[in-house]
Structures are given as C-alpha cells and as structure tokens.
Amino acid sequence: MITADLKGSSEPPISERILFSFKAYSWVDGLAHALREGLARVCGQNIAALQGSRFAHFARHDTMGEPMALSSHPVLKIHMALAHHADAIRLLAKDRRSLRLQRAKNVATITRLREKIRTLETTVRTQQDQIREMEEDGEDIQGGDDFLSDDNDFEDDEFTDEEDYEFLESAEDGIIPIDVDEDPEE
C-alpha cells in the first residue's frame, strides 16, 4: 500500500493538500503511479490557470476519480499518429517476413517431394524392366502355387469313420446333427 501526501502551498499560487493511497505491485511501479496521479490532481486543481498553456494536455480526473480523456494537443496528436504508423509498419514487416519464411519452407518442401517423386518413378521403371526381363527369360515371378491351397486340402479325411459320430443321435433322414454349443461330456 502506497500513500502519497502532497502538502500544497500556502503562498501564491495557493494549492490544497492532496492525500491519496493505492496498491502497487512494486515500489518502482507505485512511485511512477503516484507521480502520475499527483500531477493529474495538481493539474485538476489548477485547471483554470492551465487553460491555453502547454500543460493543458495533462490528464485530469473527473468528480468520480476516473481519468479524463486528453484534450487535443497538436504536437502530441502528431506524435501519437507517428507512433501508430510505426506500429503498423512494424506489424506489416513482421507479417512479410513470416510469409516469406513460410513461402521458402513451402518451396523447399515442394522441391524435396518432386525429387522424391522422380526417384520413385525411376525405381518403378527399373523394377518394371526387371519384371519384363524375368518374364522373357521364362521365370515364374508369381511364385506358382507353392503357398496357395489347392483342391486336395478340402478332400475328406480318409481316416474319419462313421463310428466317430455314433454317440450322436441320428435323425430320421440319416443326417447326424452336430451341436457345437453342447459339451459332449454332459
């Protein structure tokens, strides 16, 4: 908590005592805030004397204690306009740099991908040529039916007898129902 006490002056120009307090995060911030607030309150007390002088643009507080808007000051207005223009130029330059960097990255990515496509197309052409040469030489490049199943895989098991299924009840038409859900031990 920072308390500011401006004693005022008993000699002309006479000014009243100004006392205010506020909270600040640090001593330096509080001191800067107290100086601004004190200057604004002194200017507020002497508003009639300041009209038309170079100090007329200093901020003052209204009756509710809120800062009043700055009155128009030609030099300050030009300075603020220049500051806004400088900020706009800085932002545009930053955007331009980021766009150039992004475009350079995109161009590098496109170049890298085109090179990869050329390499892969060359590999595909080489492999197609190798396949044609192997087919012309009569080699079986499909691998034959070495790992494929043939009809012999689906023939009945020659060692399966009807007696394996005798424990099941046969239906009237001679078909033996097999229930896979039932446990044979039941």
C-alpha atoms as a PDB file:
ATOM      1  CA  MET A   1       0.000   0.000   0.000  1.00  0.00           C
ATOM      2  CA  ILE A   2       1.461   3.334  -1.052  1.00  0.00           C
ATOM      3  CA  THR A   3       0.264   6.636   0.396  1.00  0.00           C
ATOM      4  CA  ALA A   4       1.083   9.932  -1.290  1.00  0.00           C
ATOM      5  CA  ASP A   5       0.775  13.237   0.563  1.00  0.00           C
ATOM      6  CA  LEU A   6       1.275  16.472  -1.391  1.00  0.00           C
ATOM      7  CA  LYS A   7       1.289  19.242   1.232  1.00  0.00           C
ATOM      8  CA  GLY A   8       0.217  22.028  -1.046  1.00  0.00           C
ATOM      9  CA  SER A   9       1.359  25.638  -0.944  1.00  0.00           C
ATOM     10  CA  SER A  10       0.246  28.421   1.398  1.00  0.00           C
ATOM     11  CA  GLU A  11       1.927  31.058  -0.753  1.00  0.00           C
ATOM     12  CA  PRO A  12       0.599  32.147  -4.130  1.00  0.00           C
ATOM     13  CA  PRO A  13      -0.220  30.195  -6.157  1.00  0.00           C
ATOM     14  CA  ILE A  14      -2.097  28.592  -3.265  1.00  0.00           C
ATOM     15  CA  SER A  15      -2.894  24.878  -3.559  1.00  0.00           C
ATOM     16  CA  GLU A  16      -4.732  22.464  -1.306  1.00  0.00           C
ATOM     17  CA  ARG A  17      -3.265  19.396   0.340  1.00  0.00           C
ATOM     18  CA  ILE A  18      -3.584  16.257  -1.801  1.00  0.00           C
ATOM     19  CA  LEU A  19      -3.650  12.890   0.002  1.00  0.00           C
ATOM     20  CA  PHE A  20      -4.331   9.552  -1.707  1.00  0.00           C
ATOM     21  CA  SER A  21      -3.297   5.910  -1.385  1.00  0.00           C
ATOM     22  CA  PHE A  22      -3.356   2.863  -3.644  1.00  0.00           C
ATOM     23  CA  LYS A  23      -1.900  -0.635  -4.002  1.00  0.00           C
ATOM     24  CA  ALA A  24       1.032  -1.368  -6.301  1.00  0.00           C
ATOM     25  CA  TYR A  25       2.999  -4.495  -7.201  1.00  0.00           C
ATOM     26  CA  SER A  26       6.394  -2.969  -6.513  1.00  0.00           C
ATOM     27  CA  TRP A  27       7.908   0.214  -5.111  1.00  0.00           C
ATOM     28  CA  VAL A  28       9.061   1.437  -8.537  1.00  0.00           C
ATOM     29  CA  ASP A  29       5.611   0.908 -10.094  1.00  0.00           C
ATOM     30  CA  GLY A  30       3.974   2.577  -7.107  1.00  0.00           C
ATOM     31  CA  LEU A  31       6.291   5.581  -7.288  1.00  0.00           C
ATOM     32  CA  ALA A  32       5.613   6.066 -11.009  1.00  0.00           C
ATOM     33  CA  HIS A  33       1.866   5.733 -10.440  1.00  0.00           C
ATOM     34  CA  ALA A  34       1.980   8.205  -7.510  1.00  0.00           C
ATOM     35  CA  LEU A  35       3.840  10.780  -9.629  1.00  0.00           C
ATOM     36  CA  ARG A  36       1.316  10.498 -12.464  1.00  0.00           C
ATOM     37  CA  GLU A  37      -1.638  10.633 -10.093  1.00  0.00           C
ATOM     38  CA  GLY A  38      -0.210  13.589  -8.149  1.00  0.00           C
ATOM     39  CA  LEU A  39       0.481  15.557 -11.325  1.00  0.00           C
ATOM     40  CA  ALA A  40      -3.027  14.860 -12.603  1.00  0.00           C
ATOM     41  CA  ARG A  41      -4.589  16.010  -9.322  1.00  0.00           C
ATOM     42  CA  VAL A  42      -2.478  19.205  -9.203  1.00  0.00           C
ATOM     43  CA  CYS A  43      -3.493  19.951 -12.797  1.00  0.00           C
ATOM     44  CA  GLY A  44      -7.107  19.247 -11.841  1.00  0.00           C
ATOM     45  CA  GLN A  45      -6.955  21.838  -9.033  1.00  0.00           C
ATOM     46  CA  ASN A  46      -5.441  24.475 -11.300  1.00  0.00           C
ATOM     47  CA  ILE A  47      -7.476  23.798 -14.408  1.00  0.00           C
ATOM     48  CA  ALA A  48      -8.374  27.448 -14.973  1.00  0.00           C
ATOM     49  CA  ALA A  49      -4.745  28.567 -14.845  1.00  0.00           C
ATOM     50  CA  LEU A  50      -3.635  25.769 -17.175  1.00  0.00           C
ATOM     51  CA  GLN A  51      -6.108  26.506 -19.977  1.00  0.00           C
ATOM     52  CA  GLY A  52      -4.202  27.722 -23.005  1.00  0.00           C
ATOM     53  CA  SER A  53      -0.798  26.791 -21.568  1.00  0.00           C
ATOM     54  CA  ARG A  54       1.488  23.979 -22.649  1.00  0.00           C
ATOM     55  CA  PHE A  55       0.316  21.868 -19.664  1.00  0.00           C
ATOM     56  CA  ALA A  56      -3.353  21.830 -20.713  1.00  0.00           C
ATOM     57  CA  HIS A  57      -2.992  18.359 -22.223  1.00  0.00           C
ATOM     58  CA  PHE A  58      -2.072  16.658 -18.911  1.00  0.00           C
ATOM     59  CA  ALA A  59      -4.655  14.125 -17.755  1.00  0.00           C
ATOM     60  CA  ARG A  60      -7.067  15.147 -15.034  1.00  0.00           C
ATOM     61  CA  HIS A  61      -9.666  13.260 -13.007  1.00  0.00           C
ATOM     62  CA  ASP A  62     -13.370  13.908 -13.051  1.00  0.00           C
ATOM     63  CA  THR A  63     -15.566  14.123  -9.933  1.00  0.00           C
ATOM     64  CA  MET A  64     -15.782  10.314  -9.772  1.00  0.00           C
ATOM     65  CA  GLY A  65     -11.990   9.978  -9.735  1.00  0.00           C
ATOM     66  CA  GLU A  66     -11.813   8.495 -13.250  1.00  0.00           C
ATOM     67  CA  PRO A  67      -9.093   9.751 -15.634  1.00  0.00           C
ATOM     68  CA  MET A  68     -10.420  12.228 -18.155  1.00  0.00           C
ATOM     69  CA  ALA A  69      -9.591  11.978 -21.830  1.00  0.00           C
ATOM     70  CA  LEU A  70      -6.669  14.059 -23.026  1.00  0.00           C
ATOM     71  CA  SER A  71      -7.567  17.333 -24.608  1.00  0.00           C
ATOM     72  CA  SER A  72      -6.351  17.909 -28.118  1.00  0.00           C
ATOM     73  CA  HIS A  73      -2.696  18.912 -28.322  1.00  0.00           C
ATOM     74  CA  PRO A  74      -1.234  19.345 -31.815  1.00  0.00           C
ATOM     75  CA  VAL A  75       2.278  18.051 -31.106  1.00  0.00           C
ATOM     76  CA  LEU A  76       1.020  15.126 -29.025  1.00  0.00           C
ATOM     77  CA  LYS A  77      -1.533  14.252 -31.719  1.00  0.00           C
ATOM     78  CA  ILE A  78       1.196  14.136 -34.391  1.00  0.00           C
ATOM     79  CA  HIS A  79       3.435  12.084 -32.110  1.00  0.00           C
ATOM     80  CA  MET A  80       0.629   9.564 -31.445  1.00  0.00           C
ATOM     81  CA  ALA A  81      -0.173   9.305 -35.168  1.00  0.00           C
ATOM     82  CA  LEU A  82       3.503   8.647 -35.926  1.00  0.00           C
ATOM     83  CA  ALA A  83       3.627   6.007 -33.188  1.00  0.00           C
ATOM     84  CA  HIS A  84       0.541   4.268 -34.643  1.00  0.00           C
ATOM     85  CA  HIS A  85       2.032   4.363 -38.147  1.00  0.00           C
ATOM     86  CA  ALA A  86       5.343   2.979 -36.867  1.00  0.00           C
ATOM     87  CA  ASP A  87       3.495   0.130 -35.116  1.00  0.00           C
ATOM     88  CA  ALA A  88       1.543  -0.632 -38.288  1.00  0.00           C
ATOM     89  CA  ILE A  89       4.735  -0.649 -40.380  1.00  0.00           C
ATOM     90  CA  ARG A  90       6.430  -2.916 -37.825  1.00  0.00           C
ATOM     91  CA  LEU A  91       3.494  -5.363 -37.920  1.00  0.00           C
ATOM     92  CA  LEU A  92       3.436  -5.371 -41.726  1.00  0.00           C
ATOM     93  CA  ALA A  93       7.183  -6.034 -41.864  1.00  0.00           C
ATOM     94  CA  LYS A  94       6.803  -8.889 -39.377  1.00  0.00           C
ATOM     95  CA  ASP A  95       3.949 -10.381 -41.434  1.00  0.00           C
ATOM     96  CA  ARG A  96       6.008 -10.035 -44.623  1.00  0.00           C
ATOM     97  CA  ARG A  97       8.972 -11.818 -43.014  1.00  0.00           C
ATOM     98  CA  SER A  98       6.780 -14.645 -41.746  1.00  0.00           C
ATOM     99  CA  LEU A  99       5.102 -15.022 -45.156  1.00  0.00           C
ATOM    100  CA  ARG A 100       8.491 -15.103 -46.908  1.00  0.00           C
ATOM    101  CA  LEU A 101       9.721 -17.740 -44.469  1.00  0.00           C
ATOM    102  CA  GLN A 102       6.562 -19.781 -44.957  1.00  0.00           C
ATOM    103  CA  ARG A 103       6.855 -19.499 -48.748  1.00  0.00           C
ATOM    104  CA  ALA A 104      10.515 -20.576 -48.604  1.00  0.00           C
ATOM    105  CA  LYS A 105       9.553 -23.605 -46.500  1.00  0.00           C
ATOM    106  CA  ASN A 106       6.775 -24.485 -48.951  1.00  0.00           C
ATOM    107  CA  VAL A 107       9.127 -24.192 -51.940  1.00  0.00           C
ATOM    108  CA  ALA A 108      11.715 -26.376 -50.183  1.00  0.00           C
ATOM    109  CA  THR A 109       9.055 -28.987 -49.372  1.00  0.00           C
ATOM    110  CA  ILE A 110       7.754 -28.990 -52.947  1.00  0.00           C
ATOM    111  CA  THR A 111      11.293 -29.342 -54.326  1.00  0.00           C
ATOM    112  CA  ARG A 112      12.069 -32.187 -51.919  1.00  0.00           C
ATOM    113  CA  LEU A 113       8.820 -34.001 -52.789  1.00  0.00           C
ATOM    114  CA  ARG A 114       9.368 -33.576 -56.554  1.00  0.00           C
ATOM    115  CA  GLU A 115      12.846 -35.069 -56.183  1.00  0.00           C
ATOM    116  CA  LYS A 116      11.382 -37.971 -54.220  1.00  0.00           C
ATOM    117  CA  ILE A 117       8.745 -38.499 -56.934  1.00  0.00           C
ATOM    118  CA  ARG A 118      11.468 -38.575 -59.616  1.00  0.00           C
ATOM    119  CA  THR A 119      13.431 -41.112 -57.580  1.00  0.00           C
ATOM    120  CA  LEU A 120      10.370 -43.313 -57.050  1.00  0.00           C
ATOM    121  CA  GLU A 121       9.383 -43.117 -60.736  1.00  0.00           C
ATOM    122  CA  THR A 122      12.908 -44.206 -61.669  1.00  0.00           C
ATOM    123  CA  THR A 123      12.669 -47.105 -59.209  1.00  0.00           C
ATOM    124  CA  VAL A 124       9.295 -48.172 -60.641  1.00  0.00           C
ATOM    125  CA  ARG A 125      10.629 -48.067 -64.222  1.00  0.00           C
ATOM    126  CA  THR A 126      13.674 -50.103 -63.206  1.00  0.00           C
ATOM    127  CA  GLN A 127      11.528 -52.723 -61.473  1.00  0.00           C
ATOM    128  CA  GLN A 128       9.142 -52.927 -64.445  1.00  0.00           C
ATOM    129  CA  ASP A 129      12.127 -53.516 -66.747  1.00  0.00           C
ATOM    130  CA  GLN A 130      13.410 -56.244 -64.407  1.00  0.00           C
ATOM    131  CA  ILE A 131       9.970 -57.914 -64.382  1.00  0.00           C
ATOM    132  CA  ARG A 132       9.807 -57.869 -68.203  1.00  0.00           C
ATOM    133  CA  GLU A 133      13.299 -59.374 -68.448  1.00  0.00           C
ATOM    134  CA  MET A 134      12.415 -62.121 -65.985  1.00  0.00           C
ATOM    135  CA  GLU A 135       9.178 -62.931 -67.845  1.00  0.00           C
ATOM    136  CA  GLU A 136      11.090 -63.073 -71.141  1.00  0.00           C
ATOM    137  CA  ASP A 137      13.580 -65.484 -69.577  1.00  0.00           C
ATOM    138  CA  GLY A 138      10.657 -67.726 -68.608  1.00  0.00           C
ATOM    139  CA  GLU A 139      10.956 -67.341 -64.864  1.00  0.00           C
ATOM    140  CA  ASP A 140       7.826 -67.719 -62.761  1.00  0.00           C
ATOM    141  CA  ILE A 141       7.702 -64.399 -60.954  1.00  0.00           C
ATOM    142  CA  GLN A 142       4.291 -65.086 -59.421  1.00  0.00           C
ATOM    143  CA  GLY A 143       5.724 -67.896 -57.300  1.00  0.00           C
ATOM    144  CA  GLY A 144       3.459 -70.624 -58.670  1.00  0.00           C
ATOM    145  CA  ASP A 145       1.098 -72.316 -56.235  1.00  0.00           C
ATOM    146  CA  ASP A 146       3.716 -73.074 -53.638  1.00  0.00           C
ATOM    147  CA  PHE A 147       1.931 -71.264 -50.856  1.00  0.00           C
ATOM    148  CA  LEU A 148      -1.588 -71.382 -52.254  1.00  0.00           C
ATOM    149  CA  SER A 149      -4.085 -74.045 -51.219  1.00  0.00           C
ATOM    150  CA  ASP A 150      -5.293 -76.498 -53.810  1.00  0.00           C
ATOM    151  CA  ASP A 151      -8.337 -78.765 -54.019  1.00  0.00           C
ATOM    152  CA  ASN A 152      -6.576 -81.585 -52.152  1.00  0.00           C
ATOM    153  CA  ASP A 153      -6.749 -79.509 -48.971  1.00  0.00           C
ATOM    154  CA  PHE A 154     -10.535 -79.753 -48.938  1.00  0.00           C
ATOM    155  CA  GLU A 155     -10.926 -83.517 -49.512  1.00  0.00           C
ATOM    156  CA  ASP A 156     -12.494 -85.618 -46.770  1.00  0.00           C
ATOM    157  CA  ASP A 157     -10.188 -87.017 -44.197  1.00  0.00           C
ATOM    158  CA  GLU A 158      -9.687 -90.676 -45.178  1.00  0.00           C
ATOM    159  CA  PHE A 159      -9.280 -91.765 -41.588  1.00  0.00           C
ATOM    160  CA  THR A 160     -12.646 -90.387 -40.422  1.00  0.00           C
ATOM    161  CA  ASP A 161     -15.173 -93.112 -39.789  1.00  0.00           C
ATOM    162  CA  GLU A 162     -18.829 -93.016 -39.044  1.00  0.00           C
ATOM    163  CA  GLU A 163     -18.136 -94.630 -35.716  1.00  0.00           C
ATOM    164  CA  ASP A 164     -16.570 -91.381 -34.551  1.00  0.00           C
ATOM    165  CA  TYR A 165     -20.070 -89.882 -34.579  1.00  0.00           C
ATOM    166  CA  GLU A 166     -22.049 -92.873 -33.247  1.00  0.00           C
ATOM    167  CA  PHE A 167     -22.540 -91.273 -29.840  1.00  0.00           C
ATOM    168  CA  LEU A 168     -24.754 -88.636 -31.505  1.00  0.00           C
ATOM    169  CA  GLU A 169     -28.403 -89.394 -32.139  1.00  0.00           C
ATOM    170  CA  SER A 170     -29.213 -89.633 -35.820  1.00  0.00           C
ATOM    171  CA  ALA A 171     -32.278 -88.028 -37.277  1.00  0.00           C
ATOM    172  CA  GLU A 172     -34.897 -89.904 -39.333  1.00  0.00           C
ATOM    173  CA  ASP A 173     -33.356 -88.769 -42.616  1.00  0.00           C
ATOM    174  CA  GLY A 174     -29.930 -90.164 -41.677  1.00  0.00           C
ATOM    175  CA  ILE A 175     -28.300 -86.822 -41.024  1.00  0.00           C
ATOM    176  CA  ILE A 176     -26.335 -86.655 -37.827  1.00  0.00           C
ATOM    177  CA  PRO A 177     -26.823 -83.276 -36.138  1.00  0.00           C
ATOM    178  CA  ILE A 178     -23.723 -81.809 -34.570  1.00  0.00           C
ATOM    179  CA  ASP A 179     -24.308 -79.215 -31.865  1.00  0.00           C
ATOM    180  CA  VAL A 180     -21.165 -77.289 -31.204  1.00  0.00           C
ATOM    181  CA  ASP A 181     -22.645 -75.479 -28.221  1.00  0.00           C
ATOM    182  CA  GLU A 182     -23.192 -78.599 -26.147  1.00  0.00           C
ATOM    183  CA  ASP A 183     -20.455 -80.130 -24.096  1.00  0.00           C
ATOM    184  CA  PRO A 184     -20.006 -83.836 -25.144  1.00  0.00           C
ATOM    185  CA  GLU A 185     -19.371 -84.862 -21.532  1.00  0.00           C
ATOM    186  CA  GLU A 186     -22.913 -83.906 -20.428  1.00  0.00           C
END
